[in-house]
């Protein structure tokens, strides 16, 4: 069974281009709004409407085309998911809504899962425990962040700072002078678009020790994932990169297999990534190409063997 990844549904479809170019609300804001509405409808004891909203949310996160029984009984295996945490929470929420508890406060379990999803999909997840940082950082935070002298192995955290084209030269100059020892760069929830990432990439792929690039919660599309994939094919670019976080963007629901293969080549001295098929190394050369083609298809999903799902479950 295939899952058509990254498709939009309903009236939100027209806002996809705006979200990608920086106009209108960011994708995570739309998803949080749906989750809060699910919480509200459950308190009003309208589970059918909550299931409809969950269907929209699943489509928006790239799970369109999967029947509720398949989600309920985990009969679908998704390849190269960019956000397995959200996927697992959505599976749990689907189970709760499909088979509600019989007690008087049946909605409490679903409400808790919604709160966990909201926390995971918003900048809250980037705050340190006990921090009193504001919900939105100001542009002055960027100036102070780019004035720090980096030591070897340090992280540059720009998460939550709204970025624009005018900020790109400042960031590239800073990375050129201070980036030799940089190991992680956090650009999550900065409003980063495909255009801004395209301007930043030449200064990123030259960093000799960059191992983590966090781009989640932005306005990136599949075009950005393809550009990263092309860069990873050149072994002189991103020489130490171990992982790229592209979750919670516009329509990037899974990573292209060539991108994961490029990451694996840079991690030959470490443990293997669990999302890479071991058959790529073990099978003869002729079958490798076939396996890579099948695995790199966008939006592919494979049904696990087993019996047909039951009609419902009993709690």
C-alpha atoms as a PDB file:
ATOM      1  CA  UNK A   1       0.000   0.000   0.000  1.00  0.00           C
ATOM      2  CA  UNK A   2       1.446   3.386  -0.962  1.00  0.00           C
ATOM      3  CA  UNK A   3       1.207   6.623   0.950  1.00  0.00           C
ATOM      4  CA  UNK A   4       1.129   9.814  -1.064  1.00  0.00           C
ATOM      5  CA  UNK A   5       3.473  11.965   0.941  1.00  0.00           C
ATOM      6  CA  UNK A   6       3.231  15.690   1.335  1.00  0.00           C
ATOM      7  CA  UNK A   7      -0.155  16.274  -0.301  1.00  0.00           C
ATOM      8  CA  UNK A   8      -2.375  19.057   0.986  1.00  0.00           C
ATOM      9  CA  UNK A   9      -6.090  18.797   1.602  1.00  0.00           C
ATOM     10  CA  UNK A  10      -9.026  21.138   1.900  1.00  0.00           C
ATOM     11  CA  UNK A  11      -8.808  24.930   1.923  1.00  0.00           C
ATOM     12  CA  UNK A  12      -5.223  24.830   3.200  1.00  0.00           C
ATOM     13  CA  UNK A  13      -4.030  23.698  -0.239  1.00  0.00           C
ATOM     14  CA  UNK A  14      -3.954  27.234  -1.582  1.00  0.00           C
ATOM     15  CA  UNK A  15      -1.728  28.440   1.230  1.00  0.00           C
ATOM     16  CA  UNK A  16       1.100  25.978   0.538  1.00  0.00           C
ATOM     17  CA  UNK A  17       2.917  28.317  -1.855  1.00  0.00           C
ATOM     18  CA  UNK A  18       2.550  31.180   0.594  1.00  0.00           C
ATOM     19  CA  UNK A  19       3.962  29.129   3.434  1.00  0.00           C
ATOM     20  CA  UNK A  20       6.929  28.134   1.306  1.00  0.00           C
ATOM     21  CA  UNK A  21       7.778  31.730   0.350  1.00  0.00           C
ATOM     22  CA  UNK A  22       7.361  33.224   3.820  1.00  0.00           C
ATOM     23  CA  UNK A  23       3.817  34.616   3.478  1.00  0.00           C
ATOM     24  CA  UNK A  24       1.103  33.560   5.875  1.00  0.00           C
ATOM     25  CA  UNK A  25       1.470  31.313   8.921  1.00  0.00           C
ATOM     26  CA  UNK A  26       4.223  28.716   9.122  1.00  0.00           C
ATOM     27  CA  UNK A  27       3.155  25.083   8.588  1.00  0.00           C
ATOM     28  CA  UNK A  28       3.592  24.205  12.273  1.00  0.00           C
ATOM     29  CA  UNK A  29       1.139  26.963  13.264  1.00  0.00           C
ATOM     30  CA  UNK A  30      -1.563  25.420  11.076  1.00  0.00           C
ATOM     31  CA  UNK A  31      -0.922  21.988  12.566  1.00  0.00           C
ATOM     32  CA  UNK A  32      -1.065  23.306  16.117  1.00  0.00           C
ATOM     33  CA  UNK A  33      -4.362  25.033  15.327  1.00  0.00           C
ATOM     34  CA  UNK A  34      -5.843  21.696  14.204  1.00  0.00           C
ATOM     35  CA  UNK A  35      -4.583  19.983  17.345  1.00  0.00           C
ATOM     36  CA  UNK A  36      -6.168  22.609  19.589  1.00  0.00           C
ATOM     37  CA  UNK A  37      -9.418  22.198  17.682  1.00  0.00           C
ATOM     38  CA  UNK A  38      -9.231  18.426  18.220  1.00  0.00           C
ATOM     39  CA  UNK A  39      -8.867  19.071  21.951  1.00  0.00           C
ATOM     40  CA  UNK A  40     -11.880  21.391  21.896  1.00  0.00           C
ATOM     41  CA  UNK A  41     -14.113  18.979  19.953  1.00  0.00           C
ATOM     42  CA  UNK A  42     -13.226  16.107  22.278  1.00  0.00           C
ATOM     43  CA  UNK A  43     -14.265  18.162  25.307  1.00  0.00           C
ATOM     44  CA  UNK A  44     -17.525  18.837  23.489  1.00  0.00           C
ATOM     45  CA  UNK A  45     -17.892  15.061  22.935  1.00  0.00           C
ATOM     46  CA  UNK A  46     -17.726  15.296  19.138  1.00  0.00           C
ATOM     47  CA  UNK A  47     -15.307  12.461  18.341  1.00  0.00           C
ATOM     48  CA  UNK A  48     -16.377  12.200  14.681  1.00  0.00           C
ATOM     49  CA  UNK A  49     -15.320  15.798  13.998  1.00  0.00           C
ATOM     50  CA  UNK A  50     -12.064  15.139  15.877  1.00  0.00           C
ATOM     51  CA  UNK A  51     -11.368  12.182  13.562  1.00  0.00           C
ATOM     52  CA  UNK A  52     -11.934  14.424  10.524  1.00  0.00           C
ATOM     53  CA  UNK A  53      -9.429  16.954  11.879  1.00  0.00           C
ATOM     54  CA  UNK A  54      -6.940  14.185  12.570  1.00  0.00           C
ATOM     55  CA  UNK A  55      -7.324  13.063   8.966  1.00  0.00           C
ATOM     56  CA  UNK A  56      -6.399  16.588   7.806  1.00  0.00           C
ATOM     57  CA  UNK A  57      -3.399  16.626  10.132  1.00  0.00           C
ATOM     58  CA  UNK A  58      -2.187  13.255   8.874  1.00  0.00           C
ATOM     59  CA  UNK A  59      -2.474  14.435   5.287  1.00  0.00           C
ATOM     60  CA  UNK A  60      -0.595  17.632   6.089  1.00  0.00           C
ATOM     61  CA  UNK A  61       2.251  15.654   7.674  1.00  0.00           C
ATOM     62  CA  UNK A  62       2.433  13.237   4.759  1.00  0.00           C
ATOM     63  CA  UNK A  63       0.286  10.286   5.840  1.00  0.00           C
ATOM     64  CA  UNK A  64      -2.495  10.664   3.265  1.00  0.00           C
ATOM     65  CA  UNK A  65      -3.852   7.449   1.776  1.00  0.00           C
ATOM     66  CA  UNK A  66      -3.480   5.318   4.890  1.00  0.00           C
ATOM     67  CA  UNK A  67      -6.693   3.721   6.156  1.00  0.00           C
ATOM     68  CA  UNK A  68      -7.417   4.114   9.909  1.00  0.00           C
ATOM     69  CA  UNK A  69      -7.309   0.323  10.543  1.00  0.00           C
ATOM     70  CA  UNK A  70      -3.828   0.191   9.019  1.00  0.00           C
ATOM     71  CA  UNK A  71      -2.657   3.074  11.222  1.00  0.00           C
ATOM     72  CA  UNK A  72      -4.434   1.519  14.196  1.00  0.00           C
ATOM     73  CA  UNK A  73      -2.727  -1.846  13.911  1.00  0.00           C
ATOM     74  CA  UNK A  74       0.587  -0.522  12.533  1.00  0.00           C
ATOM     75  CA  UNK A  75       0.222  -2.504   9.304  1.00  0.00           C
ATOM     76  CA  UNK A  76       2.118   0.169   7.344  1.00  0.00           C
ATOM     77  CA  UNK A  77       5.861   0.716   7.445  1.00  0.00           C
ATOM     78  CA  UNK A  78       7.004   4.177   6.324  1.00  0.00           C
ATOM     79  CA  UNK A  79      10.404   4.614   4.736  1.00  0.00           C
ATOM     80  CA  UNK A  80      12.877   7.259   5.865  1.00  0.00           C
ATOM     81  CA  UNK A  81      10.454   9.327   7.954  1.00  0.00           C
ATOM     82  CA  UNK A  82      11.846  12.746   8.855  1.00  0.00           C
ATOM     83  CA  UNK A  83       9.786  12.924  12.064  1.00  0.00           C
ATOM     84  CA  UNK A  84       9.192   9.492  13.640  1.00  0.00           C
ATOM     85  CA  UNK A  85       8.170  11.091  16.950  1.00  0.00           C
ATOM     86  CA  UNK A  86       5.161  12.845  15.391  1.00  0.00           C
ATOM     87  CA  UNK A  87       4.297   9.694  13.455  1.00  0.00           C
ATOM     88  CA  UNK A  88       4.259   7.573  16.606  1.00  0.00           C
ATOM     89  CA  UNK A  89       2.138  10.111  18.502  1.00  0.00           C
ATOM     90  CA  UNK A  90      -0.319  10.293  15.585  1.00  0.00           C
ATOM     91  CA  UNK A  91      -0.620   6.497  15.589  1.00  0.00           C
ATOM     92  CA  UNK A  92      -1.432   6.606  19.315  1.00  0.00           C
ATOM     93  CA  UNK A  93      -3.969   9.413  18.784  1.00  0.00           C
ATOM     94  CA  UNK A  94      -5.637   7.482  15.939  1.00  0.00           C
ATOM     95  CA  UNK A  95      -5.931   4.450  18.209  1.00  0.00           C
ATOM     96  CA  UNK A  96      -7.506   6.552  20.962  1.00  0.00           C
ATOM     97  CA  UNK A  97     -10.062   8.115  18.622  1.00  0.00           C
ATOM     98  CA  UNK A  98     -10.874   4.853  16.843  1.00  0.00           C
ATOM     99  CA  UNK A  99     -11.343   2.893  20.067  1.00  0.00           C
ATOM    100  CA  UNK A 100     -12.290   5.400  22.790  1.00  0.00           C
ATOM    101  CA  UNK A 101     -12.365   4.369  26.413  1.00  0.00           C
ATOM    102  CA  UNK A 102     -15.743   3.806  28.004  1.00  0.00           C
ATOM    103  CA  UNK A 103     -15.260   5.910  31.134  1.00  0.00           C
ATOM    104  CA  UNK A 104     -16.786   9.355  31.599  1.00  0.00           C
ATOM    105  CA  UNK A 105     -13.523  11.202  30.845  1.00  0.00           C
ATOM    106  CA  UNK A 106     -12.490   9.240  27.778  1.00  0.00           C
ATOM    107  CA  UNK A 107     -11.009  12.353  26.127  1.00  0.00           C
ATOM    108  CA  UNK A 108      -8.218  12.819  28.704  1.00  0.00           C
ATOM    109  CA  UNK A 109      -5.874  10.310  27.064  1.00  0.00           C
ATOM    110  CA  UNK A 110      -6.315  11.925  23.618  1.00  0.00           C
ATOM    111  CA  UNK A 111      -5.929  15.380  25.126  1.00  0.00           C
ATOM    112  CA  UNK A 112      -2.584  14.355  26.614  1.00  0.00           C
ATOM    113  CA  UNK A 113      -1.341  13.094  23.233  1.00  0.00           C
ATOM    114  CA  UNK A 114      -2.436  16.375  21.611  1.00  0.00           C
ATOM    115  CA  UNK A 115      -0.452  18.315  24.209  1.00  0.00           C
ATOM    116  CA  UNK A 116       2.604  16.182  23.485  1.00  0.00           C
ATOM    117  CA  UNK A 117       2.234  16.801  19.742  1.00  0.00           C
ATOM    118  CA  UNK A 118       1.822  20.558  20.274  1.00  0.00           C
ATOM    119  CA  UNK A 119       4.957  20.617  22.420  1.00  0.00           C
ATOM    120  CA  UNK A 120       6.911  18.645  19.820  1.00  0.00           C
ATOM    121  CA  UNK A 121       5.730  20.714  16.828  1.00  0.00           C
ATOM    122  CA  UNK A 122       6.385  24.170  18.332  1.00  0.00           C
ATOM    123  CA  UNK A 123       9.467  26.096  19.521  1.00  0.00           C
ATOM    124  CA  UNK A 124       8.603  25.022  23.068  1.00  0.00           C
ATOM    125  CA  UNK A 125      10.624  21.865  22.429  1.00  0.00           C
ATOM    126  CA  UNK A 126      13.743  24.018  21.940  1.00  0.00           C
ATOM    127  CA  UNK A 127      13.545  25.804  25.275  1.00  0.00           C
ATOM    128  CA  UNK A 128      15.821  24.719  28.061  1.00  0.00           C
ATOM    129  CA  UNK A 129      14.148  23.598  31.267  1.00  0.00           C
ATOM    130  CA  UNK A 130      13.433  26.582  33.498  1.00  0.00           C
ATOM    131  CA  UNK A 131      14.075  29.068  30.705  1.00  0.00           C
ATOM    132  CA  UNK A 132      11.944  32.193  30.552  1.00  0.00           C
ATOM    133  CA  UNK A 133      12.706  32.991  26.937  1.00  0.00           C
ATOM    134  CA  UNK A 134       9.935  34.776  25.000  1.00  0.00           C
ATOM    135  CA  UNK A 135       7.802  32.888  22.501  1.00  0.00           C
ATOM    136  CA  UNK A 136       9.412  34.752  19.603  1.00  0.00           C
ATOM    137  CA  UNK A 137      12.986  35.965  19.648  1.00  0.00           C
ATOM    138  CA  UNK A 138      13.794  39.386  18.236  1.00  0.00           C
ATOM    139  CA  UNK A 139      16.304  40.180  15.450  1.00  0.00           C
ATOM    140  CA  UNK A 140      18.637  41.585  18.129  1.00  0.00           C
ATOM    141  CA  UNK A 141      19.119  37.999  19.338  1.00  0.00           C
ATOM    142  CA  UNK A 142      20.773  37.225  15.995  1.00  0.00           C
ATOM    143  CA  UNK A 143      23.305  40.026  16.488  1.00  0.00           C
ATOM    144  CA  UNK A 144      24.263  38.789  19.953  1.00  0.00           C
ATOM    145  CA  UNK A 145      24.493  35.166  18.731  1.00  0.00           C
ATOM    146  CA  UNK A 146      26.845  36.158  15.908  1.00  0.00           C
ATOM    147  CA  UNK A 147      29.178  38.018  18.243  1.00  0.00           C
ATOM    148  CA  UNK A 148      30.229  34.937  20.203  1.00  0.00           C
ATOM    149  CA  UNK A 149      33.658  33.374  19.732  1.00  0.00           C
ATOM    150  CA  UNK A 150      33.259  29.675  19.068  1.00  0.00           C
ATOM    151  CA  UNK A 151      35.429  26.996  20.620  1.00  0.00           C
ATOM    152  CA  UNK A 152      35.990  23.593  19.031  1.00  0.00           C
ATOM    153  CA  UNK A 153      32.914  21.372  19.280  1.00  0.00           C
ATOM    154  CA  UNK A 154      30.447  24.189  20.008  1.00  0.00           C
ATOM    155  CA  UNK A 155      26.919  24.729  18.667  1.00  0.00           C
ATOM    156  CA  UNK A 156      25.408  27.813  17.055  1.00  0.00           C
ATOM    157  CA  UNK A 157      21.782  28.035  18.151  1.00  0.00           C
ATOM    158  CA  UNK A 158      19.695  30.433  16.047  1.00  0.00           C
ATOM    159  CA  UNK A 159      16.438  28.571  16.729  1.00  0.00           C
ATOM    160  CA  UNK A 160      13.381  30.820  16.903  1.00  0.00           C
ATOM    161  CA  UNK A 161      15.096  33.893  15.441  1.00  0.00           C
ATOM    162  CA  UNK A 162      13.204  35.103  12.332  1.00  0.00           C
ATOM    163  CA  UNK A 163      15.649  35.225   9.415  1.00  0.00           C
ATOM    164  CA  UNK A 164      15.452  37.208   6.184  1.00  0.00           C
ATOM    165  CA  UNK A 165      17.575  37.688   3.072  1.00  0.00           C
ATOM    166  CA  UNK A 166      19.316  40.633   4.754  1.00  0.00           C
ATOM    167  CA  UNK A 167      20.597  38.324   7.505  1.00  0.00           C
ATOM    168  CA  UNK A 168      22.303  35.873   5.131  1.00  0.00           C
ATOM    169  CA  UNK A 169      25.526  37.927   4.585  1.00  0.00           C
ATOM    170  CA  UNK A 170      25.976  38.331   8.354  1.00  0.00           C
ATOM    171  CA  UNK A 171      25.558  34.584   8.936  1.00  0.00           C
ATOM    172  CA  UNK A 172      27.903  33.612   6.096  1.00  0.00           C
ATOM    173  CA  UNK A 173      30.608  36.018   7.331  1.00  0.00           C
ATOM    174  CA  UNK A 174      30.321  34.650  10.846  1.00  0.00           C
ATOM    175  CA  UNK A 175      30.525  31.037   9.673  1.00  0.00           C
ATOM    176  CA  UNK A 176      33.515  31.890   7.494  1.00  0.00           C
ATOM    177  CA  UNK A 177      35.456  33.344  10.429  1.00  0.00           C
ATOM    178  CA  UNK A 178      34.218  31.189  13.327  1.00  0.00           C
ATOM    179  CA  UNK A 179      32.953  27.973  11.717  1.00  0.00           C
ATOM    180  CA  UNK A 180      36.124  25.875  11.744  1.00  0.00           C
ATOM    181  CA  UNK A 181      35.198  24.163  15.020  1.00  0.00           C
ATOM    182  CA  UNK A 182      31.402  24.277  14.636  1.00  0.00           C
ATOM    183  CA  UNK A 183      29.774  20.856  15.088  1.00  0.00           C
ATOM    184  CA  UNK A 184      26.041  21.700  15.143  1.00  0.00           C
ATOM    185  CA  UNK A 185      23.944  24.476  13.619  1.00  0.00           C
ATOM    186  CA  UNK A 186      20.348  24.941  14.769  1.00  0.00           C
ATOM    187  CA  UNK A 187      18.205  26.874  12.269  1.00  0.00           C
ATOM    188  CA  UNK A 188      14.873  25.450  13.398  1.00  0.00           C
ATOM    189  CA  UNK A 189      11.770  27.662  13.595  1.00  0.00           C
ATOM    190  CA  UNK A 190      13.532  30.562  11.855  1.00  0.00           C
ATOM    191  CA  UNK A 191      11.088  30.878   8.932  1.00  0.00           C
ATOM    192  CA  UNK A 192      13.766  29.487   6.613  1.00  0.00           C
ATOM    193  CA  UNK A 193      12.545  29.124   3.006  1.00  0.00           C
ATOM    194  CA  UNK A 194      14.013  27.275   0.025  1.00  0.00           C
ATOM    195  CA  UNK A 195      15.462  30.573  -1.234  1.00  0.00           C
ATOM    196  CA  UNK A 196      17.219  31.361   2.049  1.00  0.00           C
ATOM    197  CA  UNK A 197      18.611  27.843   2.375  1.00  0.00           C
ATOM    198  CA  UNK A 198      19.909  28.045  -1.207  1.00  0.00           C
ATOM    199  CA  UNK A 199      21.810  31.219  -0.278  1.00  0.00           C
ATOM    200  CA  UNK A 200      23.208  29.681   2.917  1.00  0.00           C
ATOM    201  CA  UNK A 201      24.278  26.291   1.555  1.00  0.00           C
ATOM    202  CA  UNK A 202      27.642  27.361   0.042  1.00  0.00           C
ATOM    203  CA  UNK A 203      28.773  28.587   3.459  1.00  0.00           C
ATOM    204  CA  UNK A 204      27.442  25.457   5.189  1.00  0.00           C
ATOM    205  CA  UNK A 205      28.946  22.707   3.068  1.00  0.00           C
ATOM    206  CA  UNK A 206      32.471  24.075   3.593  1.00  0.00           C
ATOM    207  CA  UNK A 207      32.332  23.700   7.401  1.00  0.00           C
ATOM    208  CA  UNK A 208      34.856  20.938   8.167  1.00  0.00           C
ATOM    209  CA  UNK A 209      33.343  19.649  11.452  1.00  0.00           C
ATOM    210  CA  UNK A 210      29.615  20.298  11.008  1.00  0.00           C
ATOM    211  CA  UNK A 211      27.882  17.044  11.992  1.00  0.00           C
ATOM    212  CA  UNK A 212      24.299  18.174  12.745  1.00  0.00           C
ATOM    213  CA  UNK A 213      22.127  20.550  10.712  1.00  0.00           C
ATOM    214  CA  UNK A 214      18.712  21.239  12.271  1.00  0.00           C
ATOM    215  CA  UNK A 215      16.187  22.720   9.833  1.00  0.00           C
ATOM    216  CA  UNK A 216      12.876  21.590  11.352  1.00  0.00           C
ATOM    217  CA  UNK A 217       9.814  23.802  11.816  1.00  0.00           C
ATOM    218  CA  UNK A 218      10.503  25.991   8.781  1.00  0.00           C
ATOM    219  CA  UNK A 219       8.990  26.613   5.318  1.00  0.00           C
ATOM    220  CA  UNK A 220      11.168  24.201   3.361  1.00  0.00           C
ATOM    221  CA  UNK A 221       9.800  22.011   0.577  1.00  0.00           C
ATOM    222  CA  UNK A 222      10.962  18.925  -1.278  1.00  0.00           C
ATOM    223  CA  UNK A 223      13.067  21.204  -3.486  1.00  0.00           C
ATOM    224  CA  UNK A 224      15.287  21.926  -0.472  1.00  0.00           C
ATOM    225  CA  UNK A 225      15.641  18.200   0.235  1.00  0.00           C
ATOM    226  CA  UNK A 226      16.625  17.615  -3.398  1.00  0.00           C
ATOM    227  CA  UNK A 227      19.235  20.403  -3.247  1.00  0.00           C
ATOM    228  CA  UNK A 228      20.710  18.900  -0.079  1.00  0.00           C
ATOM    229  CA  UNK A 229      20.749  15.504  -1.774  1.00  0.00           C
ATOM    230  CA  UNK A 230      22.694  16.862  -4.742  1.00  0.00           C
ATOM    231  CA  UNK A 231      25.202  18.490  -2.394  1.00  0.00           C
ATOM    232  CA  UNK A 232      25.688  15.232  -0.472  1.00  0.00           C
ATOM    233  CA  UNK A 233      26.641  13.421  -3.677  1.00  0.00           C
ATOM    234  CA  UNK A 234      29.854  15.499  -3.684  1.00  0.00           C
ATOM    235  CA  UNK A 235      32.128  14.062  -1.006  1.00  0.00           C
ATOM    236  CA  UNK A 236      34.006  17.364  -0.689  1.00  0.00           C
ATOM    237  CA  UNK A 237      30.833  19.050   0.625  1.00  0.00           C
ATOM    238  CA  UNK A 238      29.604  18.521   4.199  1.00  0.00           C
ATOM    239  CA  UNK A 239      32.619  16.275   4.983  1.00  0.00           C
ATOM    240  CA  UNK A 240      31.485  15.487   8.556  1.00  0.00           C
ATOM    241  CA  UNK A 241      27.694  15.786   8.350  1.00  0.00           C
ATOM    242  CA  UNK A 242      25.927  13.006  10.282  1.00  0.00           C
ATOM    243  CA  UNK A 243      22.280  14.088  10.294  1.00  0.00           C
ATOM    244  CA  UNK A 244      19.858  16.629   8.835  1.00  0.00           C
ATOM    245  CA  UNK A 245      16.551  17.319  10.583  1.00  0.00           C
ATOM    246  CA  UNK A 246      13.931  18.358   7.999  1.00  0.00           C
ATOM    247  CA  UNK A 247      10.829  17.495  10.007  1.00  0.00           C
ATOM    248  CA  UNK A 248       7.767  19.716  10.437  1.00  0.00           C
ATOM    249  CA  UNK A 249       8.290  21.642   7.195  1.00  0.00           C
ATOM    250  CA  UNK A 250       5.905  22.259   4.284  1.00  0.00           C
ATOM    251  CA  UNK A 251       5.835  18.923   2.465  1.00  0.00           C
ATOM    252  CA  UNK A 252       9.008  17.040   3.398  1.00  0.00           C
ATOM    253  CA  UNK A 253       7.648  13.842   4.928  1.00  0.00           C
ATOM    254  CA  UNK A 254      10.468  11.442   4.030  1.00  0.00           C
ATOM    255  CA  UNK A 255      14.123  11.782   3.105  1.00  0.00           C
ATOM    256  CA  UNK A 256      15.406  10.731  -0.337  1.00  0.00           C
ATOM    257  CA  UNK A 257      17.412   7.546  -0.080  1.00  0.00           C
ATOM    258  CA  UNK A 258      20.473   9.089  -1.835  1.00  0.00           C
ATOM    259  CA  UNK A 259      20.644  11.701   0.943  1.00  0.00           C
ATOM    260  CA  UNK A 260      20.720   8.963   3.590  1.00  0.00           C
ATOM    261  CA  UNK A 261      23.311   7.034   1.602  1.00  0.00           C
ATOM    262  CA  UNK A 262      25.481  10.167   1.503  1.00  0.00           C
ATOM    263  CA  UNK A 263      25.175  10.525   5.281  1.00  0.00           C
ATOM    264  CA  UNK A 264      26.073   6.882   5.733  1.00  0.00           C
ATOM    265  CA  UNK A 265      29.237   7.232   3.664  1.00  0.00           C
ATOM    266  CA  UNK A 266      30.362  10.021   5.985  1.00  0.00           C
ATOM    267  CA  UNK A 267      29.687   7.781   9.000  1.00  0.00           C
ATOM    268  CA  UNK A 268      31.609   4.738   7.840  1.00  0.00           C
ATOM    269  CA  UNK A 269      33.581   4.714  11.072  1.00  0.00           C
ATOM    270  CA  UNK A 270      30.413   4.815  13.235  1.00  0.00           C
ATOM    271  CA  UNK A 271      27.339   2.642  13.648  1.00  0.00           C
ATOM    272  CA  UNK A 272      25.045   2.293  10.644  1.00  0.00           C
ATOM    273  CA  UNK A 273      21.907   4.394  10.314  1.00  0.00           C
ATOM    274  CA  UNK A 274      18.802   2.247  10.943  1.00  0.00           C
ATOM    275  CA  UNK A 275      16.960   3.715   7.953  1.00  0.00           C
ATOM    276  CA  UNK A 276      19.484   2.388   5.416  1.00  0.00           C
ATOM    277  CA  UNK A 277      18.787  -0.985   3.858  1.00  0.00           C
ATOM    278  CA  UNK A 278      21.611  -3.389   4.680  1.00  0.00           C
ATOM    279  CA  UNK A 279      20.944  -5.097   1.345  1.00  0.00           C
ATOM    280  CA  UNK A 280      22.592  -2.150  -0.405  1.00  0.00           C
ATOM    281  CA  UNK A 281      25.960  -3.499   0.795  1.00  0.00           C
ATOM    282  CA  UNK A 282      25.280  -7.213   0.740  1.00  0.00           C
ATOM    283  CA  UNK A 283      23.645  -7.782  -2.645  1.00  0.00           C
ATOM    284  CA  UNK A 284      25.475  -8.044  -5.981  1.00  0.00           C
ATOM    285  CA  UNK A 285      26.084  -4.894  -7.982  1.00  0.00           C
ATOM    286  CA  UNK A 286      23.224  -5.512 -10.392  1.00  0.00           C
ATOM    287  CA  UNK A 287      20.641  -5.831  -7.638  1.00  0.00           C
ATOM    288  CA  UNK A 288      21.950  -2.836  -5.702  1.00  0.00           C
ATOM    289  CA  UNK A 289      20.731  -0.400  -8.314  1.00  0.00           C
ATOM    290  CA  UNK A 290      17.310  -1.988  -8.297  1.00  0.00           C
ATOM    291  CA  UNK A 291      17.080  -1.805  -4.495  1.00  0.00           C
ATOM    292  CA  UNK A 292      18.187   1.823  -4.446  1.00  0.00           C
ATOM    293  CA  UNK A 293      15.602   2.804  -7.054  1.00  0.00           C
ATOM    294  CA  UNK A 294      12.800   1.118  -5.151  1.00  0.00           C
ATOM    295  CA  UNK A 295      13.845   2.611  -1.827  1.00  0.00           C
ATOM    296  CA  UNK A 296      14.333   6.158  -3.055  1.00  0.00           C
ATOM    297  CA  UNK A 297      10.804   6.623  -4.345  1.00  0.00           C
ATOM    298  CA  UNK A 298       9.142   9.586  -2.667  1.00  0.00           C
ATOM    299  CA  UNK A 299       6.147   8.660  -0.580  1.00  0.00           C
ATOM    300  CA  UNK A 300       6.609   4.917  -0.783  1.00  0.00           C
ATOM    301  CA  UNK A 301       5.257   2.683   1.961  1.00  0.00           C
ATOM    302  CA  UNK A 302       5.241  -1.054   2.353  1.00  0.00           C
ATOM    303  CA  UNK A 303       2.586  -3.093   4.086  1.00  0.00           C
ATOM    304  CA  UNK A 304       3.913  -5.580   6.568  1.00  0.00           C
ATOM    305  CA  UNK A 305       2.805  -9.189   6.096  1.00  0.00           C
ATOM    306  CA  UNK A 306       0.170 -10.396   8.433  1.00  0.00           C
ATOM    307  CA  UNK A 307      -3.495 -11.022   8.896  1.00  0.00           C
ATOM    308  CA  UNK A 308      -6.214  -8.585   7.982  1.00  0.00           C
ATOM    309  CA  UNK A 309      -6.867  -5.889  10.625  1.00  0.00           C
ATOM    310  CA  UNK A 310      -9.825  -6.392  12.885  1.00  0.00           C
ATOM    311  CA  UNK A 311     -12.856  -4.158  12.697  1.00  0.00           C
ATOM    312  CA  UNK A 312     -12.196  -2.576  16.076  1.00  0.00           C
ATOM    313  CA  UNK A 313     -10.381  -3.201  19.320  1.00  0.00           C
ATOM    314  CA  UNK A 314     -11.673  -3.825  22.813  1.00  0.00           C
ATOM    315  CA  UNK A 315     -10.432  -1.885  25.791  1.00  0.00           C
END
